[in-house]
Amino acid sequence: MKFDILTLFPEMFNSLKQSVIGKAIENKKIELNLINIRDFSNNKHKKVDDTPYGGGSRNGNDARCCL
């Protein structure tokens, strides 16, 4: 069984190699294909964040702000 995992943090899955899933990978029962989303970024800094959504003031003087 093959699993394709899209992630920003592929190193987070290294711990799976030391678990029951690691045994399954070792015995060729399953296959994990980790795909780093940053590898497909067009930005030279590998930025994958979307543009902020919404409006409002960014200077802290917004009517919704209570200090």
C-alpha atoms as a PDB file:
ATOM      1  CA  MET A   1       0.000   0.000   0.000  1.00  0.00           C
ATOM      2  CA  LYS A   2       1.444   3.375  -1.004  1.00  0.00           C
ATOM      3  CA  PHE A   3       0.801   6.639   0.845  1.00  0.00           C
ATOM      4  CA  ASP A   4       1.665  10.036  -0.629  1.00  0.00           C
ATOM      5  CA  ILE A   5       1.960  12.673   2.084  1.00  0.00           C
ATOM      6  CA  LEU A   6       2.072  16.374   1.196  1.00  0.00           C
ATOM      7  CA  THR A   7       3.715  18.304   4.011  1.00  0.00           C
ATOM      8  CA  LEU A   8       5.699  21.397   4.908  1.00  0.00           C
ATOM      9  CA  PHE A   9       7.580  19.402   7.556  1.00  0.00           C
ATOM     10  CA  PRO A  10       8.787  16.064   6.111  1.00  0.00           C
ATOM     11  CA  GLU A  11      11.327  15.641   8.926  1.00  0.00           C
ATOM     12  CA  MET A  12       8.409  15.283  11.336  1.00  0.00           C
ATOM     13  CA  PHE A  13       7.714  11.848   9.857  1.00  0.00           C
ATOM     14  CA  ASN A  14      11.177  10.443  10.675  1.00  0.00           C
ATOM     15  CA  SER A  15       9.857   9.173  14.012  1.00  0.00           C
ATOM     16  CA  LEU A  16       7.535   6.779  12.155  1.00  0.00           C
ATOM     17  CA  LYS A  17      10.561   4.662  11.260  1.00  0.00           C
ATOM     18  CA  GLN A  18      10.845   3.663  14.929  1.00  0.00           C
ATOM     19  CA  SER A  19       7.256   2.498  15.292  1.00  0.00           C
ATOM     20  CA  VAL A  20       4.994  -0.270  14.030  1.00  0.00           C
ATOM     21  CA  ILE A  21       4.729   1.683  10.785  1.00  0.00           C
ATOM     22  CA  GLY A  22       8.517   1.470  10.512  1.00  0.00           C
ATOM     23  CA  LYS A  23       8.292  -2.313  10.685  1.00  0.00           C
ATOM     24  CA  ALA A  24       5.668  -2.297   7.929  1.00  0.00           C
ATOM     25  CA  ILE A  25       7.925  -0.131   5.757  1.00  0.00           C
ATOM     26  CA  GLU A  26      10.859  -2.460   6.467  1.00  0.00           C
ATOM     27  CA  ASN A  27       8.787  -5.510   5.456  1.00  0.00           C
ATOM     28  CA  LYS A  28       7.586  -3.753   2.266  1.00  0.00           C
ATOM     29  CA  LYS A  29       3.963  -3.822   3.442  1.00  0.00           C
ATOM     30  CA  ILE A  30       3.555  -0.067   2.995  1.00  0.00           C
ATOM     31  CA  GLU A  31       5.449   2.698   1.250  1.00  0.00           C
ATOM     32  CA  LEU A  32       5.523   6.336   2.374  1.00  0.00           C
ATOM     33  CA  ASN A  33       6.236   9.020  -0.204  1.00  0.00           C
ATOM     34  CA  LEU A  34       6.873  12.329   1.577  1.00  0.00           C
ATOM     35  CA  ILE A  35       6.435  15.340  -0.685  1.00  0.00           C
ATOM     36  CA  ASN A  36       7.747  18.675   0.559  1.00  0.00           C
ATOM     37  CA  ILE A  37       5.380  21.374  -0.681  1.00  0.00           C
ATOM     38  CA  ARG A  38       8.216  23.945  -0.614  1.00  0.00           C
ATOM     39  CA  ASP A  39       9.952  22.045  -3.438  1.00  0.00           C
ATOM     40  CA  PHE A  40       7.210  23.283  -5.771  1.00  0.00           C
ATOM     41  CA  SER A  41       7.358  26.949  -4.742  1.00  0.00           C
ATOM     42  CA  ASN A  42       8.114  29.517  -7.445  1.00  0.00           C
ATOM     43  CA  ASN A  43       9.442  31.939  -4.850  1.00  0.00           C
ATOM     44  CA  LYS A  44      13.229  32.065  -4.449  1.00  0.00           C
ATOM     45  CA  HIS A  45      12.766  31.864  -0.655  1.00  0.00           C
ATOM     46  CA  LYS A  46      10.506  28.767  -0.989  1.00  0.00           C
ATOM     47  CA  LYS A  47       7.616  30.707   0.573  1.00  0.00           C
ATOM     48  CA  VAL A  48       4.313  28.838   0.378  1.00  0.00           C
ATOM     49  CA  ASP A  49       2.097  31.135   2.456  1.00  0.00           C
ATOM     50  CA  ASP A  50      -0.965  32.604   0.828  1.00  0.00           C
ATOM     51  CA  THR A  51      -1.727  36.335   0.915  1.00  0.00           C
ATOM     52  CA  PRO A  52      -3.550  37.517   4.060  1.00  0.00           C
ATOM     53  CA  TYR A  53      -7.323  37.503   3.832  1.00  0.00           C
ATOM     54  CA  GLY A  54      -9.592  40.166   5.251  1.00  0.00           C
ATOM     55  CA  GLY A  55      -9.382  43.846   5.904  1.00  0.00           C
ATOM     56  CA  GLY A  56      -8.962  46.146   8.806  1.00  0.00           C
ATOM     57  CA  SER A  57      -6.219  48.286  10.133  1.00  0.00           C
ATOM     58  CA  ARG A  58      -2.766  46.852  10.637  1.00  0.00           C
ATOM     59  CA  ASN A  59      -1.601  49.611  13.005  1.00  0.00           C
ATOM     60  CA  GLY A  60      -3.547  48.535  16.096  1.00  0.00           C
ATOM     61  CA  ASN A  61      -6.062  51.406  15.975  1.00  0.00           C
ATOM     62  CA  ASP A  62      -8.815  49.154  14.718  1.00  0.00           C
ATOM     63  CA  ALA A  63     -12.220  49.512  16.397  1.00  0.00           C
ATOM     64  CA  ARG A  64     -12.150  45.800  17.297  1.00  0.00           C
ATOM     65  CA  CYS A  65      -8.912  46.223  19.260  1.00  0.00           C
ATOM     66  CA  CYS A  66      -9.259  46.468  23.019  1.00  0.00           C
ATOM     67  CA  LEU A  67      -6.218  46.882  25.243  1.00  0.00           C
END
